Protein backbone atom coordinates (compact mmCIF):
# COMPACT_ATOMS: atom_id res chain seq x y z
CA MET A 1 12.52 -12.59 15.44
CA GLN A 2 13.89 -14.54 12.51
CA TYR A 3 13.27 -13.13 9.03
CA SER A 4 13.29 -15.20 5.87
CA ASN A 5 12.93 -14.61 2.16
CA TRP A 6 9.21 -15.26 2.48
CA ASP A 7 8.85 -11.99 4.37
CA TYR A 8 9.43 -10.09 1.11
CA ILE A 9 5.91 -11.17 0.13
CA TYR A 10 4.51 -8.62 2.59
CA ALA A 11 6.41 -5.82 0.87
CA VAL A 12 5.33 -7.02 -2.58
CA PHE A 13 1.67 -7.13 -1.59
CA MET A 14 1.95 -3.71 0.05
CA LEU A 15 3.30 -2.33 -3.22
CA ILE A 16 0.65 -4.04 -5.35
CA PHE A 17 -2.20 -2.93 -3.10
CA GLY A 18 -0.79 0.62 -2.97
CA ILE A 19 -0.68 0.83 -6.77
CA PHE A 20 -4.22 -0.57 -6.89
CA MET A 21 -5.35 2.13 -4.45
CA ILE A 22 -3.79 4.86 -6.59
CA ILE A 23 -5.09 3.61 -9.94
CA SER A 24 -8.67 2.78 -8.95
CA PRO A 25 -9.67 4.18 -5.56
CA ARG A 26 -13.36 3.91 -6.44
CA SER A 27 -13.18 0.13 -6.39
CA LEU A 28 -12.51 0.30 -2.64
CA MET A 29 -15.47 2.61 -2.07
CA ARG A 30 -18.51 0.38 -2.41
CA LYS A 31 -21.82 2.07 -3.27
CA ALA A 32 -20.45 5.58 -2.70
CA LYS A 33 -22.38 8.42 -4.25
CA TYR A 34 -20.49 10.93 -6.33
CA ASP A 35 -20.46 13.98 -4.07
CA GLU A 36 -17.98 16.12 -2.17
CA GLU A 37 -17.48 13.59 0.63
CA SER A 38 -16.71 10.79 -1.80
CA LEU A 39 -14.16 12.99 -3.56
CA LYS A 40 -12.46 13.63 -0.21
CA THR A 41 -12.49 9.91 0.53
CA GLU A 42 -11.12 9.13 -2.93
CA SER A 43 -8.28 11.59 -2.30
CA TRP A 44 -7.60 9.97 1.08
CA VAL A 45 -7.49 6.51 -0.50
CA LYS A 46 -5.00 7.73 -3.12
CA LYS A 47 -2.80 9.28 -0.42
CA ALA A 48 -2.90 6.05 1.57
CA GLY A 49 -1.89 4.17 -1.59
CA ILE A 50 1.05 6.51 -2.08
CA GLY A 51 2.02 5.89 1.53
CA LEU A 52 1.94 2.13 0.98
CA CYS A 53 4.03 2.48 -2.18
CA ILE A 54 6.63 4.43 -0.20
CA MET A 55 6.59 2.08 2.80
CA ALA A 56 6.89 -1.14 0.76
CA PRO A 57 10.49 -0.61 -0.48
CA LEU A 58 11.50 0.67 2.95
CA PHE A 59 10.05 -2.46 4.55
CA ALA A 60 11.81 -4.65 1.95
CA PHE A 61 15.11 -2.88 2.72
CA PHE A 62 14.49 -3.42 6.44
CA ILE A 63 13.96 -7.14 5.86
CA TYR A 64 17.06 -7.30 3.64
CA TYR A 65 19.08 -5.54 6.34
CA LYS A 66 17.85 -7.89 9.06
CA ILE A 67 18.54 -11.01 6.98
CA HIS A 68 22.06 -9.99 5.94
CA ALA A 69 23.18 -8.22 9.12
């Protein structure tokens, strides 16, 4: 598979969406009532956002490595 500079866009959008998930997880939870289950879901969304923020630079490094190797 051939990688190009355009593939960095995936990593950038992963990072942006991850930050969005951390800052405002309620915006991804449409019409959720404020109860214990929604708090658990909000926590899960934040953790997934943190995961995306960690994976984005790793994915960008992977693309950089594949382009310049």
